[in-house]
Amino acid sequence: MAFVKPVTLCDRGVRLEPLALDHEDGLRAAAADGALWKLRVTSVPTPEETRTYIEAALAGREQGLRMAFAVVAEATGQVLGTTGYHDIHAAVKRLEIGYTWYAQSVQRTHVNRTAKLLLMGHAFDTLGCHVVGWRTDQFNFASQRAIERLGARKDGVLRGHALRRDGTIRDTVMYSMRAGEWPEARAHLLYLLQQYAPL
């Protein structure tokens, strides 16, 4: 039985629904909003790679290693981006949140914080995770700041850890949050989200 099962999570006009091939056109449009695949420090697919990107996420789900979500505006059904769980280790109740990217037009809004609040809440409160982790490129400073604003703590840097799409080798910055730190982080996220109206 899978540790992480498909589920739909909603709050503040943001809906996370299990990523499916039906999301291909919407995900392609989200990536095109800002030509996100041109960013060196992300894994956003090019328009031609979108279906393959989704298929890889679905294969990870079948293996129990990943659970990807489409991030959708509830009011319109527009796909805003994607996020999800990966590196799922049921035996120690640990997983990571990642593969996150959004259309440029919704960056720096409440969408990311809401999505992370939903994912963290499901991980800690429903799945009973002991630890939730994040990782990002050493040069993705915006991602590092976003992770730190969630209340995660920096664990360290894995040097020479992974290939970027341009063939260079990246160092990976690792973060985590333990279950005991979640209540305070949740309270702070809810406080920050008060200033935003739902989508």
N, C-alpha and C. Protein backbone atom coordinates (compact mmCIF):
# COMPACT_ATOMS: atom_id res chain seq x y z
N MET A 1 0.83 -1.19 0.00
CA MET A 1 0.00 0.00 0.00
C MET A 1 0.88 1.25 0.00
N ALA A 2 0.58 2.19 -0.87
CA ALA A 2 1.39 3.40 -1.00
C ALA A 2 1.28 4.27 0.24
N PHE A 3 2.40 4.84 0.65
CA PHE A 3 2.43 5.75 1.79
C PHE A 3 1.70 7.05 1.45
N VAL A 4 1.96 7.57 0.25
CA VAL A 4 1.31 8.79 -0.21
C VAL A 4 0.34 8.42 -1.33
N LYS A 5 -0.93 8.65 -1.09
CA LYS A 5 -1.96 8.32 -2.08
C LYS A 5 -2.44 9.60 -2.78
N PRO A 6 -2.97 9.49 -3.99
CA PRO A 6 -3.51 10.67 -4.66
C PRO A 6 -4.60 11.33 -3.83
N VAL A 7 -4.54 12.65 -3.74
CA VAL A 7 -5.50 13.41 -2.95
C VAL A 7 -5.61 14.79 -3.56
N THR A 8 -6.75 15.43 -3.40
CA THR A 8 -6.93 16.81 -3.84
C THR A 8 -7.01 17.69 -2.60
N LEU A 9 -6.23 18.77 -2.60
CA LEU A 9 -6.14 19.68 -1.46
C LEU A 9 -6.50 21.08 -1.92
N CYS A 10 -7.31 21.80 -1.12
CA CYS A 10 -7.79 23.13 -1.53
C CYS A 10 -7.73 24.12 -0.36
N ASP A 11 -7.40 25.36 -0.70
CA ASP A 11 -7.46 26.45 0.27
C ASP A 11 -7.23 27.77 -0.46
N ARG A 12 -7.91 28.82 -0.03
CA ARG A 12 -7.70 30.18 -0.54
C ARG A 12 -7.75 30.28 -2.06
N GLY A 13 -8.62 29.51 -2.66
CA GLY A 13 -8.78 29.56 -4.10
C GLY A 13 -7.75 28.79 -4.89
N VAL A 14 -6.87 28.08 -4.19
CA VAL A 14 -5.83 27.28 -4.82
C VAL A 14 -6.17 25.81 -4.62
N ARG A 15 -6.13 25.05 -5.71
CA ARG A 15 -6.41 23.61 -5.63
C ARG A 15 -5.19 22.83 -6.13
N LEU A 16 -4.77 21.86 -5.34
CA LEU A 16 -3.74 20.92 -5.76
C LEU A 16 -4.44 19.63 -6.13
N GLU A 17 -4.29 19.22 -7.38
CA GLU A 17 -4.89 17.97 -7.83
C GLU A 17 -3.81 17.10 -8.46
N PRO A 18 -3.91 15.78 -8.30
CA PRO A 18 -2.86 14.91 -8.83
C PRO A 18 -2.59 15.20 -10.32
N LEU A 19 -1.33 15.40 -10.63
CA LEU A 19 -0.93 15.72 -12.00
C LEU A 19 -1.31 14.58 -12.93
N ALA A 20 -1.87 14.94 -14.08
CA ALA A 20 -2.32 13.95 -15.07
C ALA A 20 -2.02 14.48 -16.47
N LEU A 21 -2.11 13.59 -17.44
CA LEU A 21 -1.87 13.99 -18.83
C LEU A 21 -2.86 15.06 -19.28
N ASP A 22 -4.03 15.10 -18.64
CA ASP A 22 -5.03 16.12 -18.96
C ASP A 22 -4.52 17.54 -18.67
N HIS A 23 -3.49 17.65 -17.86
CA HIS A 23 -2.95 18.96 -17.50
C HIS A 23 -1.89 19.46 -18.49
N GLU A 24 -1.63 18.68 -19.53
CA GLU A 24 -0.52 19.02 -20.43
C GLU A 24 -0.64 20.43 -21.02
N ASP A 25 -1.78 20.75 -21.60
CA ASP A 25 -1.93 22.07 -22.24
C ASP A 25 -1.81 23.19 -21.21
N GLY A 26 -2.43 23.02 -20.06
CA GLY A 26 -2.38 24.04 -19.02
C GLY A 26 -0.98 24.23 -18.47
N LEU A 27 -0.25 23.13 -18.31
CA LEU A 27 1.11 23.22 -17.80
C LEU A 27 2.03 23.88 -18.82
N ARG A 28 1.81 23.57 -20.09
CA ARG A 28 2.60 24.20 -21.15
C ARG A 28 2.36 25.71 -21.15
N ALA A 29 1.10 26.12 -20.98
CA ALA A 29 0.78 27.55 -20.96
C ALA A 29 1.40 28.22 -19.74
N ALA A 30 1.41 27.54 -18.60
CA ALA A 30 2.01 28.12 -17.40
C ALA A 30 3.51 28.32 -17.59
N ALA A 31 4.17 27.36 -18.20
CA ALA A 31 5.61 27.48 -18.45
C ALA A 31 5.90 28.59 -19.44
N ALA A 32 5.00 28.78 -20.41
CA ALA A 32 5.19 29.82 -21.43
C ALA A 32 5.05 31.22 -20.83
N ASP A 33 4.31 31.33 -19.72
CA ASP A 33 4.14 32.61 -19.02
C ASP A 33 5.46 32.94 -18.32
N GLY A 34 6.35 33.59 -19.06
CA GLY A 34 7.67 33.92 -18.53
C GLY A 34 8.77 33.09 -19.15
N ALA A 35 8.42 32.21 -20.11
CA ALA A 35 9.42 31.32 -20.76
C ALA A 35 10.32 30.70 -19.70
N LEU A 36 9.70 30.04 -18.73
CA LEU A 36 10.40 29.57 -17.54
C LEU A 36 11.48 28.53 -17.84
N TRP A 37 11.34 27.81 -18.93
CA TRP A 37 12.33 26.76 -19.24
C TRP A 37 13.69 27.36 -19.56
N LYS A 38 13.76 28.67 -19.79
CA LYS A 38 15.04 29.31 -20.09
C LYS A 38 15.87 29.59 -18.84
N LEU A 39 15.25 29.44 -17.67
CA LEU A 39 15.97 29.68 -16.43
C LEU A 39 16.94 28.53 -16.17
N ARG A 40 18.19 28.85 -15.98
CA ARG A 40 19.24 27.84 -15.86
C ARG A 40 19.11 26.97 -14.61
N VAL A 41 18.54 27.52 -13.55
CA VAL A 41 18.56 26.83 -12.26
C VAL A 41 17.25 26.12 -11.93
N THR A 42 16.40 25.91 -12.93
CA THR A 42 15.14 25.19 -12.68
C THR A 42 15.02 24.00 -13.63
N SER A 43 14.00 23.18 -13.39
CA SER A 43 13.76 22.00 -14.22
C SER A 43 12.45 22.12 -14.99
N VAL A 44 12.06 23.35 -15.31
CA VAL A 44 10.82 23.58 -16.04
C VAL A 44 10.96 23.01 -17.45
N PRO A 45 9.98 22.24 -17.93
CA PRO A 45 10.10 21.66 -19.26
C PRO A 45 9.87 22.69 -20.36
N THR A 46 10.52 22.47 -21.50
CA THR A 46 10.20 23.25 -22.69
C THR A 46 8.81 22.83 -23.15
N PRO A 47 8.15 23.61 -24.00
CA PRO A 47 6.83 23.19 -24.48
C PRO A 47 6.82 21.78 -25.07
N GLU A 48 7.87 21.44 -25.81
CA GLU A 48 7.93 20.12 -26.44
C GLU A 48 8.15 18.99 -25.42
N GLU A 49 8.67 19.32 -24.25
CA GLU A 49 8.98 18.31 -23.23
C GLU A 49 7.88 18.14 -22.19
N THR A 50 6.80 18.90 -22.30
CA THR A 50 5.79 18.90 -21.25
C THR A 50 5.17 17.53 -21.02
N ARG A 51 4.80 16.84 -22.09
CA ARG A 51 4.19 15.51 -21.92
C ARG A 51 5.18 14.53 -21.28
N THR A 52 6.43 14.57 -21.73
CA THR A 52 7.45 13.69 -21.15
C THR A 52 7.65 14.00 -19.67
N TYR A 53 7.60 15.29 -19.32
CA TYR A 53 7.74 15.72 -17.93
C TYR A 53 6.62 15.11 -17.07
N ILE A 54 5.40 15.17 -17.57
CA ILE A 54 4.26 14.60 -16.83
C ILE A 54 4.39 13.09 -16.75
N GLU A 55 4.78 12.45 -17.83
CA GLU A 55 4.94 10.99 -17.83
C GLU A 55 5.99 10.54 -16.82
N ALA A 56 7.07 11.31 -16.69
CA ALA A 56 8.10 10.98 -15.70
C ALA A 56 7.53 11.10 -14.28
N ALA A 57 6.71 12.12 -14.05
CA ALA A 57 6.08 12.28 -12.74
C ALA A 57 5.14 11.12 -12.44
N LEU A 58 4.40 10.68 -13.44
CA LEU A 58 3.47 9.57 -13.25
C LEU A 58 4.23 8.27 -13.01
N ALA A 59 5.37 8.08 -13.67
CA ALA A 59 6.20 6.90 -13.43
C ALA A 59 6.72 6.91 -11.99
N GLY A 60 7.12 8.09 -11.51
CA GLY A 60 7.56 8.20 -10.12
C GLY A 60 6.46 7.87 -9.14
N ARG A 61 5.22 8.23 -9.48
CA ARG A 61 4.08 7.89 -8.64
C ARG A 61 3.89 6.37 -8.58
N GLU A 62 3.99 5.72 -9.73
CA GLU A 62 3.83 4.26 -9.78
C GLU A 62 4.88 3.56 -8.93
N GLN A 63 6.07 4.14 -8.85
CA GLN A 63 7.16 3.55 -8.06
C GLN A 63 7.08 3.92 -6.58
N GLY A 64 6.12 4.79 -6.23
CA GLY A 64 5.99 5.21 -4.84
C GLY A 64 7.02 6.22 -4.41
N LEU A 65 7.70 6.86 -5.37
CA LEU A 65 8.77 7.80 -5.05
C LEU A 65 8.37 9.25 -5.19
N ARG A 66 7.24 9.49 -5.86
CA ARG A 66 6.86 10.86 -6.16
C ARG A 66 5.35 10.99 -6.24
N MET A 67 4.83 12.15 -5.85
CA MET A 67 3.42 12.46 -6.01
C MET A 67 3.34 13.92 -6.46
N ALA A 68 3.15 14.10 -7.77
CA ALA A 68 3.13 15.44 -8.35
C ALA A 68 1.70 15.96 -8.41
N PHE A 69 1.56 17.27 -8.25
CA PHE A 69 0.27 17.94 -8.29
C PHE A 69 0.28 19.06 -9.31
N ALA A 70 -0.84 19.24 -9.99
CA ALA A 70 -1.07 20.47 -10.74
C ALA A 70 -1.62 21.49 -9.76
N VAL A 71 -1.11 22.72 -9.83
CA VAL A 71 -1.61 23.82 -9.00
C VAL A 71 -2.60 24.59 -9.87
N VAL A 72 -3.86 24.64 -9.42
CA VAL A 72 -4.95 25.14 -10.24
C VAL A 72 -5.70 26.25 -9.51
N ALA A 73 -6.10 27.28 -10.25
CA ALA A 73 -6.98 28.31 -9.69
C ALA A 73 -8.39 27.75 -9.66
N GLU A 74 -8.97 27.63 -8.46
CA GLU A 74 -10.29 27.01 -8.33
C GLU A 74 -11.36 27.74 -9.14
N ALA A 75 -11.31 29.05 -9.17
CA ALA A 75 -12.38 29.82 -9.81
C ALA A 75 -12.42 29.65 -11.32
N THR A 76 -11.24 29.47 -11.92
CA THR A 76 -11.17 29.43 -13.39
C THR A 76 -10.73 28.09 -13.96
N GLY A 77 -10.12 27.26 -13.15
CA GLY A 77 -9.58 26.00 -13.65
C GLY A 77 -8.23 26.16 -14.33
N GLN A 78 -7.67 27.37 -14.31
CA GLN A 78 -6.38 27.62 -14.96
C GLN A 78 -5.26 26.92 -14.20
N VAL A 79 -4.40 26.22 -14.94
CA VAL A 79 -3.22 25.59 -14.34
C VAL A 79 -2.18 26.68 -14.12
N LEU A 80 -1.74 26.83 -12.88
CA LEU A 80 -0.80 27.89 -12.50
C LEU A 80 0.63 27.38 -12.43
N GLY A 81 0.79 26.06 -12.32
CA GLY A 81 2.12 25.48 -12.20
C GLY A 81 2.02 24.09 -11.62
N THR A 82 3.08 23.66 -10.97
CA THR A 82 3.12 22.32 -10.41
C THR A 82 4.01 22.29 -9.17
N THR A 83 3.76 21.35 -8.30
CA THR A 83 4.57 21.11 -7.11
C THR A 83 4.28 19.69 -6.67
N GLY A 84 4.94 19.22 -5.63
CA GLY A 84 4.62 17.88 -5.17
C GLY A 84 5.63 17.31 -4.20
N TYR A 85 5.42 16.05 -3.89
CA TYR A 85 6.31 15.29 -3.02
C TYR A 85 7.26 14.45 -3.87
N HIS A 86 8.48 14.29 -3.37
CA HIS A 86 9.43 13.39 -4.04
C HIS A 86 10.38 12.82 -2.99
N ASP A 87 11.20 11.88 -3.40
CA ASP A 87 12.11 11.19 -2.47
C ASP A 87 11.33 10.76 -1.23
N ILE A 88 10.26 10.03 -1.47
CA ILE A 88 9.37 9.56 -0.41
C ILE A 88 9.96 8.30 0.23
N HIS A 89 10.16 8.36 1.55
CA HIS A 89 10.71 7.22 2.29
C HIS A 89 9.72 6.84 3.39
N ALA A 90 8.84 5.92 3.07
CA ALA A 90 7.77 5.54 4.00
C ALA A 90 8.31 4.98 5.31
N ALA A 91 9.39 4.21 5.24
CA ALA A 91 9.90 3.53 6.43
C ALA A 91 10.29 4.51 7.54
N VAL A 92 10.77 5.67 7.16
CA VAL A 92 11.17 6.67 8.16
C VAL A 92 10.23 7.87 8.17
N LYS A 93 9.13 7.76 7.40
CA LYS A 93 8.14 8.84 7.31
C LYS A 93 8.80 10.18 7.00
N ARG A 94 9.52 10.16 5.88
CA ARG A 94 10.20 11.36 5.40
C ARG A 94 9.92 11.53 3.92
N LEU A 95 9.73 12.76 3.51
CA LEU A 95 9.59 13.08 2.09
C LEU A 95 10.09 14.49 1.86
N GLU A 96 10.24 14.83 0.60
CA GLU A 96 10.65 16.18 0.24
C GLU A 96 9.57 16.83 -0.61
N ILE A 97 9.53 18.14 -0.55
CA ILE A 97 8.63 18.92 -1.38
C ILE A 97 9.47 19.61 -2.45
N GLY A 98 9.05 19.47 -3.70
CA GLY A 98 9.85 20.08 -4.76
C GLY A 98 9.20 19.94 -6.12
N TYR A 99 10.04 20.04 -7.15
CA TYR A 99 9.56 20.11 -8.53
C TYR A 99 8.50 21.21 -8.63
N THR A 100 8.79 22.33 -7.98
CA THR A 100 7.84 23.43 -7.87
C THR A 100 8.18 24.54 -8.85
N TRP A 101 7.22 24.93 -9.64
CA TRP A 101 7.36 26.12 -10.47
C TRP A 101 5.98 26.62 -10.85
N TYR A 102 5.91 27.95 -11.07
CA TYR A 102 4.64 28.61 -11.34
C TYR A 102 4.77 29.57 -12.51
N ALA A 103 3.66 29.81 -13.18
CA ALA A 103 3.61 30.86 -14.20
C ALA A 103 4.13 32.16 -13.59
N GLN A 104 4.86 32.91 -14.38
CA GLN A 104 5.45 34.14 -13.87
C GLN A 104 4.40 35.09 -13.29
N SER A 105 3.20 35.09 -13.87
CA SER A 105 2.17 36.03 -13.44
C SER A 105 1.65 35.75 -12.03
N VAL A 106 1.89 34.57 -11.47
CA VAL A 106 1.43 34.29 -10.11
C VAL A 106 2.58 34.14 -9.12
N GLN A 107 3.80 34.37 -9.59
CA GLN A 107 4.93 34.37 -8.67
C GLN A 107 4.83 35.59 -7.77
N ARG A 108 5.28 35.44 -6.53
CA ARG A 108 5.23 36.49 -5.51
C ARG A 108 3.79 36.84 -5.13
N THR A 109 2.89 35.90 -5.30
CA THR A 109 1.53 36.03 -4.77
C THR A 109 1.40 35.01 -3.65
N HIS A 110 0.17 34.77 -3.19
CA HIS A 110 -0.02 33.81 -2.11
C HIS A 110 -0.07 32.37 -2.60
N VAL A 111 0.06 32.15 -3.91
CA VAL A 111 -0.11 30.80 -4.46
C VAL A 111 0.91 29.82 -3.89
N ASN A 112 2.19 30.18 -3.90
CA ASN A 112 3.20 29.25 -3.42
C ASN A 112 3.05 28.96 -1.93
N ARG A 113 2.83 30.01 -1.13
CA ARG A 113 2.68 29.78 0.31
C ARG A 113 1.47 28.90 0.60
N THR A 114 0.38 29.12 -0.13
CA THR A 114 -0.81 28.31 0.08
C THR A 114 -0.55 26.86 -0.31
N ALA A 115 0.09 26.66 -1.44
CA ALA A 115 0.40 25.29 -1.87
C ALA A 115 1.30 24.59 -0.86
N LYS A 116 2.29 25.31 -0.35
CA LYS A 116 3.20 24.70 0.62
C LYS A 116 2.49 24.43 1.94
N LEU A 117 1.60 25.33 2.35
CA LEU A 117 0.83 25.10 3.57
C LEU A 117 0.00 23.82 3.43
N LEU A 118 -0.62 23.63 2.27
CA LEU A 118 -1.41 22.42 2.02
C LEU A 118 -0.54 21.17 2.04
N LEU A 119 0.61 21.23 1.36
CA LEU A 119 1.49 20.05 1.29
C LEU A 119 2.11 19.72 2.65
N MET A 120 2.54 20.75 3.37
CA MET A 120 3.14 20.51 4.68
C MET A 120 2.09 19.99 5.66
N GLY A 121 0.90 20.58 5.62
CA GLY A 121 -0.16 20.12 6.50
C GLY A 121 -0.53 18.67 6.24
N HIS A 122 -0.63 18.30 4.97
CA HIS A 122 -0.95 16.91 4.63
C HIS A 122 0.17 15.97 5.08
N ALA A 123 1.42 16.40 4.87
CA ALA A 123 2.57 15.56 5.24
C ALA A 123 2.65 15.33 6.74
N PHE A 124 2.55 16.42 7.50
CA PHE A 124 2.70 16.29 8.95
C PHE A 124 1.43 15.80 9.64
N ASP A 125 0.29 16.38 9.28
CA ASP A 125 -0.94 16.12 10.03
C ASP A 125 -1.68 14.86 9.59
N THR A 126 -1.60 14.53 8.30
CA THR A 126 -2.32 13.36 7.79
C THR A 126 -1.41 12.15 7.65
N LEU A 127 -0.24 12.35 7.04
CA LEU A 127 0.67 11.23 6.81
C LEU A 127 1.54 10.92 8.03
N GLY A 128 1.62 11.86 8.96
CA GLY A 128 2.43 11.64 10.16
C GLY A 128 3.92 11.66 9.91
N CYS A 129 4.36 12.47 8.94
CA CYS A 129 5.79 12.54 8.64
C CYS A 129 6.58 13.09 9.83
N HIS A 130 7.79 12.56 9.98
CA HIS A 130 8.69 13.07 11.01
C HIS A 130 9.51 14.24 10.48
N VAL A 131 9.82 14.19 9.18
CA VAL A 131 10.66 15.21 8.55
C VAL A 131 10.14 15.49 7.14
N VAL A 132 10.11 16.78 6.77
CA VAL A 132 9.85 17.19 5.40
C VAL A 132 11.08 17.96 4.93
N GLY A 133 11.55 17.65 3.73
CA GLY A 133 12.76 18.29 3.22
C GLY A 133 12.52 19.06 1.94
N TRP A 134 13.48 19.89 1.59
CA TRP A 134 13.51 20.65 0.34
C TRP A 134 14.94 20.66 -0.16
N ARG A 135 15.11 20.84 -1.46
CA ARG A 135 16.43 21.01 -2.04
C ARG A 135 16.34 21.99 -3.20
N THR A 136 17.44 22.70 -3.43
CA THR A 136 17.45 23.64 -4.55
C THR A 136 18.88 23.91 -4.99
N ASP A 137 19.01 24.44 -6.18
CA ASP A 137 20.31 24.79 -6.74
C ASP A 137 20.97 25.88 -5.90
N GLN A 138 22.27 25.78 -5.74
CA GLN A 138 23.00 26.78 -4.94
C GLN A 138 22.84 28.20 -5.48
N PHE A 139 22.56 28.32 -6.79
CA PHE A 139 22.39 29.64 -7.38
C PHE A 139 20.93 30.06 -7.51
N ASN A 140 20.02 29.24 -7.05
CA ASN A 140 18.60 29.62 -7.09
C ASN A 140 18.27 30.34 -5.77
N PHE A 141 18.69 31.58 -5.71
CA PHE A 141 18.56 32.33 -4.46
C PHE A 141 17.10 32.63 -4.13
N ALA A 142 16.27 32.83 -5.15
CA ALA A 142 14.85 33.08 -4.91
C ALA A 142 14.21 31.86 -4.25
N SER A 143 14.55 30.68 -4.72
CA SER A 143 14.01 29.45 -4.14
C SER A 143 14.49 29.28 -2.70
N GLN A 144 15.77 29.57 -2.46
CA GLN A 144 16.29 29.45 -1.09
C GLN A 144 15.54 30.37 -0.14
N ARG A 145 15.31 31.62 -0.57
CA ARG A 145 14.57 32.56 0.29
C ARG A 145 13.14 32.08 0.54
N ALA A 146 12.51 31.54 -0.51
CA ALA A 146 11.13 31.05 -0.36
C ALA A 146 11.07 29.89 0.62
N ILE A 147 12.03 28.98 0.54
CA ILE A 147 12.07 27.83 1.46
C ILE A 147 12.30 28.30 2.89
N GLU A 148 13.19 29.25 3.05
CA GLU A 148 13.49 29.76 4.40
C GLU A 148 12.28 30.48 4.99
N ARG A 149 11.49 31.17 4.13
CA ARG A 149 10.28 31.84 4.64
C ARG A 149 9.24 30.85 5.13
N LEU A 150 9.32 29.60 4.69
CA LEU A 150 8.40 28.57 5.17
C LEU A 150 8.74 28.12 6.59
N GLY A 151 9.94 28.45 7.05
CA GLY A 151 10.37 28.03 8.37
C GLY A 151 11.32 26.85 8.35
N ALA A 152 11.74 26.43 7.14
CA ALA A 152 12.68 25.31 7.04
C ALA A 152 14.07 25.75 7.46
N ARG A 153 14.86 24.78 7.91
CA ARG A 153 16.23 25.06 8.34
C ARG A 153 17.21 24.47 7.33
N LYS A 154 18.27 25.21 7.09
CA LYS A 154 19.29 24.75 6.16
C LYS A 154 20.12 23.65 6.80
N ASP A 155 20.17 22.50 6.11
CA ASP A 155 20.94 21.36 6.62
C ASP A 155 22.38 21.38 6.12
N GLY A 156 22.58 21.89 4.91
CA GLY A 156 23.93 21.90 4.35
C GLY A 156 23.89 21.90 2.84
N VAL A 157 25.05 21.67 2.25
CA VAL A 157 25.19 21.69 0.79
C VAL A 157 25.81 20.38 0.33
N LEU A 158 25.17 19.76 -0.66
CA LEU A 158 25.73 18.58 -1.31
C LEU A 158 26.52 19.07 -2.52
N ARG A 159 27.81 18.93 -2.47
CA ARG A 159 28.65 19.48 -3.53
C ARG A 159 28.75 18.50 -4.70
N GLY A 160 28.72 19.05 -5.92
CA GLY A 160 28.80 18.22 -7.12
C GLY A 160 27.68 17.21 -7.17
N HIS A 161 26.46 17.65 -6.90
CA HIS A 161 25.35 16.73 -6.64
C HIS A 161 24.55 16.32 -7.86
N ALA A 162 24.32 17.23 -8.81
CA ALA A 162 23.41 16.92 -9.92
C ALA A 162 23.77 17.73 -11.16
N LEU A 163 23.30 17.24 -12.30
CA LEU A 163 23.52 17.96 -13.55
C LEU A 163 22.41 18.97 -13.79
N ARG A 164 22.77 20.15 -14.26
CA ARG A 164 21.80 21.10 -14.76
C ARG A 164 21.52 20.78 -16.22
N ARG A 165 20.47 21.39 -16.77
CA ARG A 165 20.11 21.13 -18.16
C ARG A 165 21.19 21.59 -19.13
N ASP A 166 22.02 22.56 -18.70
CA ASP A 166 23.08 23.04 -19.61
C ASP A 166 24.35 22.21 -19.51
N GLY A 167 24.29 21.11 -18.72
CA GLY A 167 25.43 20.21 -18.61
C GLY A 167 26.38 20.52 -17.49
N THR A 168 26.24 21.67 -16.82
CA THR A 168 27.10 21.98 -15.69
C THR A 168 26.63 21.20 -14.47
N ILE A 169 27.54 21.05 -13.52
CA ILE A 169 27.24 20.29 -12.31
C ILE A 169 26.92 21.26 -11.19
N ARG A 170 25.80 21.03 -10.54
CA ARG A 170 25.36 21.95 -9.50
C ARG A 170 25.67 21.42 -8.11
N ASP A 171 25.84 22.34 -7.18
CA ASP A 171 25.79 22.03 -5.75
C ASP A 171 24.34 22.21 -5.33
N THR A 172 23.87 21.37 -4.43
CA THR A 172 22.47 21.38 -3.99
C THR A 172 22.38 21.79 -2.53
N VAL A 173 21.56 22.81 -2.25
CA VAL A 173 21.33 23.27 -0.88
C VAL A 173 20.15 22.48 -0.32
N MET A 174 20.36 21.86 0.84
CA MET A 174 19.34 21.01 1.47
C MET A 174 18.74 21.72 2.69
N TYR A 175 17.41 21.59 2.82
CA TYR A 175 16.67 22.14 3.95
C TYR A 175 15.75 21.07 4.52
N SER A 176 15.32 21.27 5.76
CA SER A 176 14.33 20.36 6.33
C SER A 176 13.55 21.03 7.45
N MET A 177 12.44 20.39 7.80
CA MET A 177 11.63 20.78 8.96
C MET A 177 11.20 19.51 9.67
N ARG A 178 11.33 19.49 10.98
CA ARG A 178 10.89 18.34 11.77
C ARG A 178 9.46 18.56 12.26
N ALA A 179 8.79 17.49 12.59
CA ALA A 179 7.38 17.56 12.99
C ALA A 179 7.17 18.53 14.15
N GLY A 180 8.10 18.56 15.09
CA GLY A 180 7.96 19.45 16.25
C GLY A 180 8.04 20.92 15.90
N GLU A 181 8.60 21.24 14.73
CA GLU A 181 8.72 22.63 14.29
C GLU A 181 7.51 23.08 13.47
N TRP A 182 6.69 22.12 13.07
CA TRP A 182 5.57 22.43 12.18
C TRP A 182 4.51 23.35 12.81
N PRO A 183 4.08 23.15 14.06
CA PRO A 183 3.02 24.03 14.59
C PRO A 183 3.38 25.52 14.52
N GLU A 184 4.60 25.86 14.88
CA GLU A 184 5.01 27.27 14.82
C GLU A 184 5.11 27.75 13.38
N ALA A 185 5.63 26.90 12.50
CA ALA A 185 5.72 27.28 11.08
C ALA A 185 4.33 27.48 10.48
N ARG A 186 3.40 26.61 10.84
CA ARG A 186 2.02 26.74 10.34
C ARG A 186 1.39 28.04 10.82
N ALA A 187 1.57 28.35 12.09
CA ALA A 187 1.00 29.59 12.64
C ALA A 187 1.56 30.80 11.91
N HIS A 188 2.85 30.77 11.60
CA HIS A 188 3.47 31.91 10.92
C HIS A 188 2.97 32.01 9.47
N LEU A 189 2.84 30.88 8.79
CA LEU A 189 2.33 30.91 7.42
C LEU A 189 0.89 31.43 7.38
N LEU A 190 0.07 30.99 8.31
CA LEU A 190 -1.31 31.48 8.36
C LEU A 190 -1.35 32.98 8.62
N TYR A 191 -0.44 33.46 9.45
CA TYR A 191 -0.35 34.90 9.72
C TYR A 191 0.02 35.66 8.44
N LEU A 192 1.02 35.14 7.71
CA LEU A 192 1.46 35.81 6.48
C LEU A 192 0.37 35.80 5.41
N LEU A 193 -0.43 34.74 5.38
CA LEU A 193 -1.45 34.61 4.35
C LEU A 193 -2.67 35.50 4.62
N GLN A 194 -2.79 36.06 5.81
CA GLN A 194 -3.93 36.93 6.11
C GLN A 194 -4.00 38.16 5.22
N GLN A 195 -2.84 38.59 4.71
CA GLN A 195 -2.82 39.81 3.91
C GLN A 195 -3.28 39.60 2.48
N TYR A 196 -3.50 38.34 2.07
CA TYR A 196 -3.87 38.06 0.69
C TYR A 196 -5.33 37.64 0.58
N ALA A 197 -5.99 38.13 -0.45
CA ALA A 197 -7.35 37.67 -0.75
C ALA A 197 -7.25 36.38 -1.54
N PRO A 198 -8.22 35.49 -1.40
CA PRO A 198 -8.22 34.26 -2.20
C PRO A 198 -8.27 34.59 -3.68
N LEU A 199 -7.81 33.65 -4.51
CA LEU A 199 -7.86 33.85 -5.98
C LEU A 199 -9.29 34.00 -6.43
